[in-house]
Amino acid sequence: MRTTLTIDDDLAGLLKERARVLGIPFKEAVNRTIRAGLGEAVSARRHPAAKTIPHSFGFRPGIDLDKLGQLADELEAEAFAEKAHDSARRQRPRSRA
């Protein structure tokens, strides 16, 4: 709901600071603060608990998922090296025999 609200200067300053520290929009800082002031019952009623649905990505046992980023970096480095090697080979002058 959109409404006009007059907030005291000192409170507006505190809310702006909270929004900046949390990295959220001013509007969200105001709503969170009002909810906190009214109690957690308001928050619980509006936002039911999140439900996590597990999903299997089909990786084989023994594959360390924490090292996938490292694997991607290694593959990228290999592709770059091949491209640089091909480029250097094309730039070499051919000798005539």
Protein backbone atom coordinates (compact mmCIF):
# COMPACT_ATOMS: atom_id res chain seq x y z
CA MET A 1 0.00 0.00 0.00
CA ARG A 2 1.33 3.40 -0.92
CA THR A 3 0.95 6.15 1.68
CA THR A 4 2.52 9.45 2.73
CA LEU A 5 4.21 9.38 6.10
CA THR A 6 5.90 12.18 8.01
CA ILE A 7 8.94 10.87 9.86
CA ASP A 8 10.89 12.95 12.37
CA ASP A 9 14.30 14.04 11.07
CA ASP A 10 16.23 12.09 13.70
CA LEU A 11 14.32 8.87 12.90
CA ALA A 12 14.72 9.39 9.16
CA GLY A 13 18.47 9.72 9.68
CA LEU A 14 18.59 6.50 11.70
CA LEU A 15 16.53 4.65 9.10
CA LYS A 16 18.71 5.91 6.23
CA GLU A 17 21.82 4.78 8.11
CA ARG A 18 20.30 1.35 8.78
CA ALA A 19 19.38 1.00 5.10
CA ARG A 20 22.93 1.94 4.08
CA VAL A 21 24.56 -0.48 6.55
CA LEU A 22 22.28 -3.36 5.54
CA GLY A 23 22.48 -2.51 1.85
CA ILE A 24 18.72 -2.38 1.46
CA PRO A 25 16.34 0.27 0.13
CA PHE A 26 15.03 2.89 2.56
CA LYS A 27 11.48 1.57 2.11
CA GLU A 28 12.56 -1.91 3.24
CA ALA A 29 14.38 -0.50 6.28
CA VAL A 30 11.21 1.35 7.29
CA ASN A 31 9.03 -1.77 6.87
CA ARG A 32 11.45 -4.02 8.79
CA THR A 33 11.64 -1.51 11.64
CA ILE A 34 7.86 -1.19 11.88
CA ARG A 35 7.48 -4.99 11.86
CA ALA A 36 10.08 -5.32 14.61
CA GLY A 37 8.26 -2.68 16.62
CA LEU A 38 4.91 -4.43 16.23
CA GLY A 39 6.38 -7.79 17.17
CA GLU A 40 7.33 -10.97 15.38
CA ALA A 41 3.69 -12.08 15.07
CA VAL A 42 3.20 -9.66 12.18
CA SER A 43 6.28 -10.94 10.39
CA ALA A 44 5.34 -14.60 10.89
CA ARG A 45 1.83 -14.02 9.61
CA ARG A 46 2.97 -12.28 6.42
CA HIS A 47 5.92 -14.55 5.59
CA PRO A 48 5.44 -18.27 6.13
CA ALA A 49 8.56 -20.36 6.70
CA ALA A 50 10.51 -21.05 3.55
CA LYS A 51 10.38 -24.59 2.23
CA THR A 52 13.53 -26.17 0.83
CA ILE A 53 13.07 -28.70 -1.92
CA PRO A 54 16.14 -30.91 -2.45
CA HIS A 55 17.29 -31.70 -5.96
CA SER A 56 19.83 -34.23 -7.18
CA PHE A 57 22.12 -32.81 -9.86
CA GLY A 58 23.28 -36.27 -10.90
CA PHE A 59 26.95 -36.02 -9.98
CA ARG A 60 28.69 -39.32 -9.52
CA PRO A 61 29.90 -40.35 -6.05
CA GLY A 62 33.48 -39.27 -5.46
CA ILE A 63 33.25 -35.99 -7.38
CA ASP A 64 34.27 -33.13 -5.09
CA LEU A 65 31.72 -30.41 -5.83
CA ASP A 66 33.82 -27.88 -3.91
CA LYS A 67 36.50 -28.12 -6.60
CA LEU A 68 34.30 -27.46 -9.64
CA GLY A 69 35.46 -23.85 -9.74
CA GLN A 70 39.08 -24.99 -9.83
CA LEU A 71 38.28 -27.40 -12.68
CA ALA A 72 36.59 -24.61 -14.64
CA ASP A 73 39.66 -22.38 -14.15
CA GLU A 74 42.00 -25.14 -15.37
CA LEU A 75 39.87 -25.79 -18.46
CA GLU A 76 39.75 -22.08 -19.24
CA ALA A 77 43.55 -21.81 -18.87
CA GLU A 78 44.06 -24.77 -21.22
CA ALA A 79 41.73 -23.27 -23.83
CA PHE A 80 43.57 -19.94 -23.60
CA ALA A 81 46.96 -21.65 -23.97
CA GLU A 82 45.77 -23.55 -27.06
CA LYS A 83 44.41 -20.36 -28.61
CA ALA A 84 47.68 -18.49 -27.92
CA HIS A 85 49.71 -21.39 -29.36
CA ASP A 86 47.58 -21.51 -32.54
CA SER A 87 47.85 -17.73 -32.94
CA ALA A 88 51.66 -17.83 -32.56
CA ARG A 89 51.91 -20.66 -35.09
CA ARG A 90 49.93 -18.66 -37.66
CA GLN A 91 52.13 -15.59 -37.20
CA ARG A 92 55.46 -17.40 -37.80
CA PRO A 93 56.89 -16.79 -41.26
CA ARG A 94 57.20 -19.95 -43.32
CA SER A 95 60.60 -20.80 -44.65
CA ARG A 96 60.90 -21.68 -48.33
CA ALA A 97 62.76 -24.86 -49.17
